[in-house]
Every structure is written in structure tokens, then in C-alpha cells.
Amino acid sequence: MPATMTDDEAAARWCFLNFGFAKTAFEDIAKRANLSRTLLYRIFKDKEDIYRAVFVDWLVSRHPAANQTAKGPGSAYERLLRVCRLVVLEP
């Protein structure tokens, strides 16, 4: 998995955030990424595969901040709440 999000993953993330997973079509992602559907299918096997790549990239990008927050000041409960806010509420 690359360390930075590719253009097609960024396009997919935009589509998923704006249309939702169910209403995002492969064609929507292809158009947003300026790729043909055929090329997108060569990179990803299906929409779930794209979603997984976007989600993994998002989690990996959040890991350093979440780790730092978890080791920060406050009770375990307060640190957990801050990590949850960071990971869940800040897309």
C-alpha cells in the first residue's frame, strides 16, 4: 500500500463522502479520477476493493496522531475519547 493516496483513491474518497458507498458507481470514480472504467478495473477488482484502499489509507494517515493522542495527558478515558474524536469525527 502506498504511503500517500493515489489520484484514483482520492477520487473514490470524494465520491464515497459525497454520494455514500451504495450510491457511488465505478463510473463515478472513474470520471472523477479521469480514468476509463477499464483501467480502474485493472487497478481494483471491485468497488469494495477501492473502498478498502481508501479506508486503509485513511487509517494509516490517522495513526501517528492517534498514537500521540493516546500517549498524551489525562485519564485513560479522556485519552480514549480524544482518539475516538480524532478517528471518527474528523474525516
PDB file of N, CA and C in Angstrom:
ATOM      1  N   MET A   1       0.861  -1.183   0.000  1.00  0.00           N
ATOM      2  CA  MET A   1       0.000   0.000   0.000  1.00  0.00           C
ATOM      3  C   MET A   1       0.898   1.234   0.000  1.00  0.00           C
ATOM      4  N   PRO A   2       0.674   2.150  -0.942  1.00  0.00           N
ATOM      5  CA  PRO A   2       1.486   3.354  -0.967  1.00  0.00           C
ATOM      6  C   PRO A   2       1.235   4.223   0.256  1.00  0.00           C
ATOM      7  N   ALA A   3       2.239   5.027   0.597  1.00  0.00           N
ATOM      8  CA  ALA A   3       2.131   5.885   1.780  1.00  0.00           C
ATOM      9  C   ALA A   3       1.186   7.044   1.551  1.00  0.00           C
ATOM     10  N   THR A   4       1.002   7.467   0.298  1.00  0.00           N
ATOM     11  CA  THR A   4       0.089   8.566   0.007  1.00  0.00           C
ATOM     12  C   THR A   4      -1.028   8.079  -0.900  1.00  0.00           C
ATOM     13  N   MET A   5      -2.165   8.725  -0.779  1.00  0.00           N
ATOM     14  CA  MET A   5      -3.330   8.349  -1.552  1.00  0.00           C
ATOM     15  C   MET A   5      -3.115   8.679  -3.032  1.00  0.00           C
ATOM     16  N   THR A   6      -3.433   7.739  -3.892  1.00  0.00           N
ATOM     17  CA  THR A   6      -3.315   7.956  -5.326  1.00  0.00           C
ATOM     18  C   THR A   6      -4.495   8.803  -5.805  1.00  0.00           C
ATOM     19  N   ASP A   7      -4.403   9.315  -7.030  1.00  0.00           N
ATOM     20  CA  ASP A   7      -5.480  10.137  -7.581  1.00  0.00           C
ATOM     21  C   ASP A   7      -6.795   9.372  -7.649  1.00  0.00           C
ATOM     22  N   ASP A   8      -6.730   8.086  -8.027  1.00  0.00           N
ATOM     23  CA  ASP A   8      -7.963   7.309  -8.106  1.00  0.00           C
ATOM     24  C   ASP A   8      -8.551   7.052  -6.718  1.00  0.00           C
ATOM     25  N   GLU A   9      -7.706   6.861  -5.718  1.00  0.00           N
ATOM     26  CA  GLU A   9      -8.220   6.701  -4.351  1.00  0.00           C
ATOM     27  C   GLU A   9      -8.797   8.004  -3.824  1.00  0.00           C
ATOM     28  N   ALA A  10      -8.171   9.134  -4.149  1.00  0.00           N
ATOM     29  CA  ALA A  10      -8.703  10.438  -3.733  1.00  0.00           C
ATOM     30  C   ALA A  10     -10.048  10.694  -4.391  1.00  0.00           C
ATOM     31  N   ALA A  11     -10.168  10.332  -5.652  1.00  0.00           N
ATOM     32  CA  ALA A  11     -11.445  10.480  -6.362  1.00  0.00           C
ATOM     33  C   ALA A  11     -12.502   9.587  -5.720  1.00  0.00           C
ATOM     34  N   ALA A  12     -12.114   8.372  -5.378  1.00  0.00           N
ATOM     35  CA  ALA A  12     -13.055   7.451  -4.734  1.00  0.00           C
ATOM     36  C   ALA A  12     -13.484   7.978  -3.373  1.00  0.00           C
ATOM     37  N   ARG A  13     -12.540   8.506  -2.611  1.00  0.00           N
ATOM     38  CA  ARG A  13     -12.885   9.051  -1.299  1.00  0.00           C
ATOM     39  C   ARG A  13     -13.896  10.181  -1.442  1.00  0.00           C
ATOM     40  N   TRP A  14     -13.667  11.075  -2.407  1.00  0.00           N
ATOM     41  CA  TRP A  14     -14.599  12.176  -2.634  1.00  0.00           C
ATOM     42  C   TRP A  14     -15.987  11.633  -2.963  1.00  0.00           C
ATOM     43  N   CYS A  15     -16.052  10.645  -3.840  1.00  0.00           N
ATOM     44  CA  CYS A  15     -17.346  10.056  -4.226  1.00  0.00           C
ATOM     45  C   CYS A  15     -18.032   9.395  -3.030  1.00  0.00           C
ATOM     46  N   PHE A  16     -17.282   8.614  -2.256  1.00  0.00           N
ATOM     47  CA  PHE A  16     -17.872   7.940  -1.104  1.00  0.00           C
ATOM     48  C   PHE A  16     -18.383   8.945  -0.076  1.00  0.00           C
ATOM     49  N   LEU A  17     -17.630  10.020   0.157  1.00  0.00           N
ATOM     50  CA  LEU A  17     -18.061  11.031   1.126  1.00  0.00           C
ATOM     51  C   LEU A  17     -19.265  11.824   0.644  1.00  0.00           C
ATOM     52  N   ASN A  18     -19.361  12.054  -0.658  1.00  0.00           N
ATOM     53  CA  ASN A  18     -20.445  12.875  -1.186  1.00  0.00           C
ATOM     54  C   ASN A  18     -21.686  12.095  -1.594  1.00  0.00           C
ATOM     55  N   PHE A  19     -21.522  10.864  -2.066  1.00  0.00           N
ATOM     56  CA  PHE A  19     -22.659  10.068  -2.538  1.00  0.00           C
ATOM     57  C   PHE A  19     -23.005   8.919  -1.603  1.00  0.00           C
ATOM     58  N   GLY A  20     -22.060   8.531  -0.750  1.00  0.00           N
ATOM     59  CA  GLY A  20     -22.236   7.335   0.061  1.00  0.00           C
ATOM     60  C   GLY A  20     -21.768   6.117  -0.708  1.00  0.00           C
ATOM     61  N   PHE A  21     -21.473   5.053   0.008  1.00  0.00           N
ATOM     62  CA  PHE A  21     -20.954   3.845  -0.636  1.00  0.00           C
ATOM     63  C   PHE A  21     -21.971   3.262  -1.612  1.00  0.00           C
ATOM     64  N   ALA A  22     -23.220   3.117  -1.185  1.00  0.00           N
ATOM     65  CA  ALA A  22     -24.238   2.453  -2.005  1.00  0.00           C
ATOM     66  C   ALA A  22     -24.513   3.191  -3.310  1.00  0.00           C
ATOM     67  N   LYS A  23     -24.464   4.511  -3.291  1.00  0.00           N
ATOM     68  CA  LYS A  23     -24.801   5.282  -4.485  1.00  0.00           C
ATOM     69  C   LYS A  23     -23.589   5.632  -5.344  1.00  0.00           C
ATOM     70  N   THR A  24     -22.404   5.281  -4.902  1.00  0.00           N
ATOM     71  CA  THR A  24     -21.209   5.525  -5.705  1.00  0.00           C
ATOM     72  C   THR A  24     -21.041   4.397  -6.700  1.00  0.00           C
ATOM     73  N   ALA A  25     -20.950   4.752  -7.957  1.00  0.00           N
ATOM     74  CA  ALA A  25     -20.732   3.758  -9.012  1.00  0.00           C
ATOM     75  C   ALA A  25     -19.277   3.783  -9.449  1.00  0.00           C
ATOM     76  N   PHE A  26     -18.831   2.674 -10.008  1.00  0.00           N
ATOM     77  CA  PHE A  26     -17.469   2.603 -10.537  1.00  0.00           C
ATOM     78  C   PHE A  26     -17.251   3.726 -11.541  1.00  0.00           C
ATOM     79  N   GLU A  27     -18.279   4.016 -12.325  1.00  0.00           N
ATOM     80  CA  GLU A  27     -18.176   5.073 -13.332  1.00  0.00           C
ATOM     81  C   GLU A  27     -17.978   6.445 -12.693  1.00  0.00           C
ATOM     82  N   ASP A  28     -18.624   6.708 -11.556  1.00  0.00           N
ATOM     83  CA  ASP A  28     -18.432   7.975 -10.840  1.00  0.00           C
ATOM     84  C   ASP A  28     -16.967   8.158 -10.455  1.00  0.00           C
ATOM     85  N   ILE A  29     -16.382   7.102  -9.934  1.00  0.00           N
ATOM     86  CA  ILE A  29     -14.983   7.167  -9.508  1.00  0.00           C
ATOM     87  C   ILE A  29     -14.073   7.357 -10.717  1.00  0.00           C
ATOM     88  N   ALA A  30     -14.346   6.610 -11.769  1.00  0.00           N
ATOM     89  CA  ALA A  30     -13.532   6.716 -12.987  1.00  0.00           C
ATOM     90  C   ALA A  30     -13.576   8.129 -13.553  1.00  0.00           C
ATOM     91  N   LYS A  31     -14.768   8.718 -13.622  1.00  0.00           N
ATOM     92  CA  LYS A  31     -14.899  10.090 -14.138  1.00  0.00           C
ATOM     93  C   LYS A  31     -14.132  11.077 -13.268  1.00  0.00           C
ATOM     94  N   ARG A  32     -14.301  10.957 -11.963  1.00  0.00           N
ATOM     95  CA  ARG A  32     -13.642  11.885 -11.039  1.00  0.00           C
ATOM     96  C   ARG A  32     -12.114  11.765 -11.120  1.00  0.00           C
ATOM     97  N   ALA A  33     -11.619  10.551 -11.374  1.00  0.00           N
ATOM     98  CA  ALA A  33     -10.175  10.310 -11.458  1.00  0.00           C
ATOM     99  C   ALA A  33      -9.631  10.506 -12.874  1.00  0.00           C
ATOM    100  N   ASN A  34     -10.520  10.848 -13.821  1.00  0.00           N
ATOM    101  CA  ASN A  34     -10.134  10.980 -15.232  1.00  0.00           C
ATOM    102  C   ASN A  34      -9.501   9.700 -15.770  1.00  0.00           C
ATOM    103  N   LEU A  35     -10.117   8.580 -15.432  1.00  0.00           N
ATOM    104  CA  LEU A  35      -9.676   7.270 -15.903  1.00  0.00           C
ATOM    105  C   LEU A  35     -10.840   6.568 -16.591  1.00  0.00           C
ATOM    106  N   SER A  36     -10.524   5.616 -17.448  1.00  0.00           N
ATOM    107  CA  SER A  36     -11.585   4.788 -18.011  1.00  0.00           C
ATOM    108  C   SER A  36     -11.975   3.746 -16.961  1.00  0.00           C
ATOM    109  N   ARG A  37     -13.199   3.253 -17.065  1.00  0.00           N
ATOM    110  CA  ARG A  37     -13.626   2.193 -16.145  1.00  0.00           C
ATOM    111  C   ARG A  37     -12.743   0.964 -16.310  1.00  0.00           C
ATOM    112  N   THR A  38     -12.341   0.689 -17.556  1.00  0.00           N
ATOM    113  CA  THR A  38     -11.496  -0.471 -17.828  1.00  0.00           C
ATOM    114  C   THR A  38     -10.178  -0.372 -17.071  1.00  0.00           C
ATOM    115  N   LEU A  39      -9.558   0.799 -17.116  1.00  0.00           N
ATOM    116  CA  LEU A  39      -8.294   0.987 -16.392  1.00  0.00           C
ATOM    117  C   LEU A  39      -8.509   0.874 -14.886  1.00  0.00           C
ATOM    118  N   LEU A  40      -9.604   1.428 -14.394  1.00  0.00           N
ATOM    119  CA  LEU A  40      -9.901   1.333 -12.966  1.00  0.00           C
ATOM    120  C   LEU A  40     -10.065  -0.130 -12.552  1.00  0.00           C
ATOM    121  N   TYR A  41     -10.713  -0.939 -13.412  1.00  0.00           N
ATOM    122  CA  TYR A  41     -10.868  -2.367 -13.121  1.00  0.00           C
ATOM    123  C   TYR A  41      -9.533  -3.101 -13.168  1.00  0.00           C
ATOM    124  N   ARG A  42      -8.556  -2.579 -13.886  1.00  0.00           N
ATOM    125  CA  ARG A  42      -7.235  -3.203 -13.895  1.00  0.00           C
ATOM    126  C   ARG A  42      -6.506  -2.937 -12.568  1.00  0.00           C
ATOM    127  N   ILE A  43      -6.861  -1.826 -11.919  1.00  0.00           N
ATOM    128  CA  ILE A  43      -6.220  -1.454 -10.659  1.00  0.00           C
ATOM    129  C   ILE A  43      -6.944  -2.082  -9.464  1.00  0.00           C
ATOM    130  N   PHE A  44      -8.271  -2.051  -9.495  1.00  0.00           N
ATOM    131  CA  PHE A  44      -9.098  -2.561  -8.394  1.00  0.00           C
ATOM    132  C   PHE A  44     -10.082  -3.576  -8.940  1.00  0.00           C
ATOM    133  N   LYS A  45     -10.333  -4.651  -8.181  1.00  0.00           N
ATOM    134  CA  LYS A  45     -11.225  -5.693  -8.696  1.00  0.00           C
ATOM    135  C   LYS A  45     -12.703  -5.309  -8.599  1.00  0.00           C
ATOM    136  N   ASP A  46     -13.070  -4.481  -7.613  1.00  0.00           N
ATOM    137  CA  ASP A  46     -14.462  -4.056  -7.472  1.00  0.00           C
ATOM    138  C   ASP A  46     -14.534  -2.833  -6.556  1.00  0.00           C
ATOM    139  N   LYS A  47     -15.747  -2.343  -6.336  1.00  0.00           N
ATOM    140  CA  LYS A  47     -15.940  -1.146  -5.522  1.00  0.00           C
ATOM    141  C   LYS A  47     -15.485  -1.373  -4.084  1.00  0.00           C
ATOM    142  N   GLU A  48     -15.706  -2.573  -3.558  1.00  0.00           N
ATOM    143  CA  GLU A  48     -15.273  -2.880  -2.203  1.00  0.00           C
ATOM    144  C   GLU A  48     -13.746  -2.790  -2.080  1.00  0.00           C
ATOM    145  N   ASP A  49     -13.039  -3.198  -3.122  1.00  0.00           N
ATOM    146  CA  ASP A  49     -11.583  -3.127  -3.135  1.00  0.00           C
ATOM    147  C   ASP A  49     -11.113  -1.665  -3.086  1.00  0.00           C
ATOM    148  N   ILE A  50     -11.807  -0.805  -3.808  1.00  0.00           N
ATOM    149  CA  ILE A  50     -11.480   0.627  -3.772  1.00  0.00           C
ATOM    150  C   ILE A  50     -11.772   1.187  -2.385  1.00  0.00           C
ATOM    151  N   TYR A  51     -12.925   0.845  -1.838  1.00  0.00           N
ATOM    152  CA  TYR A  51     -13.305   1.334  -0.514  1.00  0.00           C
ATOM    153  C   TYR A  51     -12.270   0.905   0.524  1.00  0.00           C
ATOM    154  N   ARG A  52     -11.837  -0.347   0.435  1.00  0.00           N
ATOM    155  CA  ARG A  52     -10.826  -0.858   1.360  1.00  0.00           C
ATOM    156  C   ARG A  52      -9.539  -0.055   1.248  1.00  0.00           C
ATOM    157  N   ALA A  53      -9.103   0.244   0.029  1.00  0.00           N
ATOM    158  CA  ALA A  53      -7.871   1.021  -0.177  1.00  0.00           C
ATOM    159  C   ALA A  53      -8.004   2.419   0.414  1.00  0.00           C
ATOM    160  N   VAL A  54      -9.158   3.046   0.204  1.00  0.00           N
ATOM    161  CA  VAL A  54      -9.398   4.388   0.752  1.00  0.00           C
ATOM    162  C   VAL A  54      -9.401   4.337   2.277  1.00  0.00           C
ATOM    163  N   PHE A  55     -10.077   3.351   2.841  1.00  0.00           N
ATOM    164  CA  PHE A  55     -10.181   3.236   4.291  1.00  0.00           C
ATOM    165  C   PHE A  55      -8.820   2.954   4.925  1.00  0.00           C
ATOM    166  N   VAL A  56      -8.047   2.066   4.326  1.00  0.00           N
ATOM    167  CA  VAL A  56      -6.711   1.753   4.850  1.00  0.00           C
ATOM    168  C   VAL A  56      -5.832   2.995   4.800  1.00  0.00           C
ATOM    169  N   ASP A  57      -5.884   3.732   3.688  1.00  0.00           N
ATOM    170  CA  ASP A  57      -5.090   4.955   3.585  1.00  0.00           C
ATOM    171  C   ASP A  57      -5.487   5.944   4.676  1.00  0.00           C
ATOM    172  N   TRP A  58      -6.776   6.077   4.906  1.00  0.00           N
ATOM    173  CA  TRP A  58      -7.276   6.984   5.931  1.00  0.00           C
ATOM    174  C   TRP A  58      -6.797   6.557   7.322  1.00  0.00           C
ATOM    175  N   LEU A  59      -6.887   5.265   7.635  1.00  0.00           N
ATOM    176  CA  LEU A  59      -6.440   4.786   8.943  1.00  0.00           C
ATOM    177  C   LEU A  59      -4.939   4.977   9.131  1.00  0.00           C
ATOM    178  N   VAL A  60      -4.172   4.665   8.098  1.00  0.00           N
ATOM    179  CA  VAL A  60      -2.724   4.826   8.183  1.00  0.00           C
ATOM    180  C   VAL A  60      -2.365   6.296   8.394  1.00  0.00           C
ATOM    181  N   SER A  61      -3.073   7.191   7.720  1.00  0.00           N
ATOM    182  CA  SER A  61      -2.776   8.622   7.869  1.00  0.00           C
ATOM    183  C   SER A  61      -3.132   9.131   9.270  1.00  0.00           C
ATOM    184  N   ARG A  62      -4.095   8.510   9.916  1.00  0.00           N
ATOM    185  CA  ARG A  62      -4.519   8.923  11.256  1.00  0.00           C
ATOM    186  C   ARG A  62      -3.690   8.305  12.376  1.00  0.00           C
ATOM    187  N   HIS A  63      -2.961   7.251  12.087  1.00  0.00           N
ATOM    188  CA  HIS A  63      -2.256   6.504  13.122  1.00  0.00           C
ATOM    189  C   HIS A  63      -1.286   7.349  13.950  1.00  0.00           C
ATOM    190  N   PRO A  64      -0.395   8.152  13.337  1.00  0.00           N
ATOM    191  CA  PRO A  64       0.541   8.917  14.168  1.00  0.00           C
ATOM    192  C   PRO A  64      -0.155   9.863  15.151  1.00  0.00           C
ATOM    193  N   ALA A  65      -1.171  10.568  14.692  1.00  0.00           N
ATOM    194  CA  ALA A  65      -1.884  11.499  15.578  1.00  0.00           C
ATOM    195  C   ALA A  65      -2.648  10.738  16.658  1.00  0.00           C
ATOM    196  N   ALA A  66      -3.250   9.618  16.298  1.00  0.00           N
ATOM    197  CA  ALA A  66      -3.982   8.824  17.290  1.00  0.00           C
ATOM    198  C   ALA A  66      -3.022   8.251  18.325  1.00  0.00           C
ATOM    199  N   ASN A  67      -1.877   7.797  17.878  1.00  0.00           N
ATOM    200  CA  ASN A  67      -0.874   7.251  18.799  1.00  0.00           C
ATOM    201  C   ASN A  67      -0.387   8.329  19.766  1.00  0.00           C
ATOM    202  N   GLN A  68      -0.109   9.507  19.244  1.00  0.00           N
ATOM    203  CA  GLN A  68       0.343  10.616  20.093  1.00  0.00           C
ATOM    204  C   GLN A  68      -0.749  11.011  21.086  1.00  0.00           C
ATOM    205  N   THR A  69      -1.985  11.066  20.625  1.00  0.00           N
ATOM    206  CA  THR A  69      -3.111  11.419  21.497  1.00  0.00           C
ATOM    207  C   THR A  69      -3.299  10.375  22.595  1.00  0.00           C
ATOM    208  N   ALA A  70      -3.142   9.102  22.246  1.00  0.00           N
ATOM    209  CA  ALA A  70      -3.310   8.029  23.222  1.00  0.00           C
ATOM    210  C   ALA A  70      -2.254   8.084  24.315  1.00  0.00           C
ATOM    211  N   LYS A  71      -1.080   8.621  24.000  1.00  0.00           N
ATOM    212  CA  LYS A  71       0.001   8.717  24.982  1.00  0.00           C
ATOM    213  C   LYS A  71       0.011  10.056  25.708  1.00  0.00           C
ATOM    214  N   GLY A  72      -0.935  10.936  25.368  1.00  0.00           N
ATOM    215  CA  GLY A  72      -0.976  12.278  25.936  1.00  0.00           C
ATOM    216  C   GLY A  72      -1.478  12.319  27.367  1.00  0.00           C
ATOM    217  N   PRO A  73      -1.680  13.534  27.866  1.00  0.00           N
ATOM    218  CA  PRO A  73      -2.115  13.709  29.257  1.00  0.00           C
ATOM    219  C   PRO A  73      -3.586  13.340  29.443  1.00  0.00           C
ATOM    220  N   GLY A  74      -3.957  13.132  30.665  1.00  0.00           N
ATOM    221  CA  GLY A  74      -5.342  12.846  31.019  1.00  0.00           C
ATOM    222  C   GLY A  74      -5.534  11.384  31.388  1.00  0.00           C
ATOM    223  N   SER A  75      -6.732  11.099  31.862  1.00  0.00           N
ATOM    224  CA  SER A  75      -7.055   9.717  32.236  1.00  0.00           C
ATOM    225  C   SER A  75      -7.179   8.868  30.973  1.00  0.00           C
ATOM    226  N   ALA A  76      -7.188   7.564  31.175  1.00  0.00           N
ATOM    227  CA  ALA A  76      -7.332   6.645  30.037  1.00  0.00           C
ATOM    228  C   ALA A  76      -8.638   6.937  29.288  1.00  0.00           C
ATOM    229  N   TYR A  77      -9.692   7.215  30.045  1.00  0.00           N
ATOM    230  CA  TYR A  77     -10.990   7.528  29.450  1.00  0.00           C
ATOM    231  C   TYR A  77     -10.916   8.797  28.597  1.00  0.00           C
ATOM    232  N   GLU A  78     -10.289   9.838  29.109  1.00  0.00           N
ATOM    233  CA  GLU A  78     -10.164  11.098  28.360  1.00  0.00           C
ATOM    234  C   GLU A  78      -9.331  10.908  27.095  1.00  0.00           C
ATOM    235  N   ARG A  79      -8.248  10.142  27.201  1.00  0.00           N
ATOM    236  CA  ARG A  79      -7.410   9.888  26.025  1.00  0.00           C
ATOM    237  C   ARG A  79      -8.176   9.088  24.983  1.00  0.00           C
ATOM    238  N   LEU A  80      -8.934   8.097  25.439  1.00  0.00           N
ATOM    239  CA  LEU A  80      -9.737   7.291  24.516  1.00  0.00           C
ATOM    240  C   LEU A  80     -10.763   8.150  23.786  1.00  0.00           C
ATOM    241  N   LEU A  81     -11.416   9.038  24.514  1.00  0.00           N
ATOM    242  CA  LEU A  81     -12.382   9.944  23.885  1.00  0.00           C
ATOM    243  C   LEU A  81     -11.719  10.832  22.827  1.00  0.00           C
ATOM    244  N   ARG A  82     -10.522  11.340  23.140  1.00  0.00           N
ATOM    245  CA  ARG A  82      -9.809  12.180  22.171  1.00  0.00           C
ATOM    246  C   ARG A  82      -9.406  11.382  20.929  1.00  0.00           C
ATOM    247  N   VAL A  83      -8.979  10.145  21.123  1.00  0.00           N
ATOM    248  CA  VAL A  83      -8.630   9.292  19.972  1.00  0.00           C
ATOM    249  C   VAL A  83      -9.880   9.022  19.132  1.00  0.00           C
ATOM    250  N   CYS A  84     -10.985   8.727  19.778  1.00  0.00           N
ATOM    251  CA  CYS A  84     -12.239   8.484  19.050  1.00  0.00           C
ATOM    252  C   CYS A  84     -12.670   9.716  18.254  1.00  0.00           C
ATOM    253  N   ARG A  85     -12.564  10.882  18.866  1.00  0.00           N
ATOM    254  CA  ARG A  85     -12.899  12.115  18.149  1.00  0.00           C
ATOM    255  C   ARG A  85     -12.002  12.284  16.924  1.00  0.00           C
ATOM    256  N   LEU A  86     -10.736  12.033  17.102  1.00  0.00           N
ATOM    257  CA  LEU A  86      -9.770  12.175  16.020  1.00  0.00           C
ATOM    258  C   LEU A  86     -10.059  11.210  14.870  1.00  0.00           C
ATOM    259  N   VAL A  87     -10.355   9.981  15.214  1.00  0.00           N
ATOM    260  CA  VAL A  87     -10.526   8.953  14.198  1.00  0.00           C
ATOM    261  C   VAL A  87     -11.932   8.947  13.599  1.00  0.00           C
ATOM    262  N   VAL A  88     -12.934   9.205  14.412  1.00  0.00           N
ATOM    263  CA  VAL A  88     -14.315   9.074  13.934  1.00  0.00           C
ATOM    264  C   VAL A  88     -14.903  10.397  13.450  1.00  0.00           C
ATOM    265  N   LEU A  89     -14.644  11.476  14.141  1.00  0.00           N
ATOM    266  CA  LEU A  89     -15.324  12.721  13.829  1.00  0.00           C
ATOM    267  C   LEU A  89     -14.588  13.620  12.860  1.00  0.00           C
ATOM    268  N   GLU A  90     -13.318  13.362  12.601  1.00  0.00           N
ATOM    269  CA  GLU A  90     -12.548  14.207  11.701  1.00  0.00           C
ATOM    270  C   GLU A  90     -12.162  13.420  10.441  1.00  0.00           C
ATOM    271  N   PRO A  91     -13.023  13.395   9.433  1.00  0.00           N
ATOM    272  CA  PRO A  91     -12.708  12.603   8.230  1.00  0.00           C
ATOM    273  C   PRO A  91     -11.535  13.164   7.465  1.00  0.00           C
TER     274      PRO A  91
END
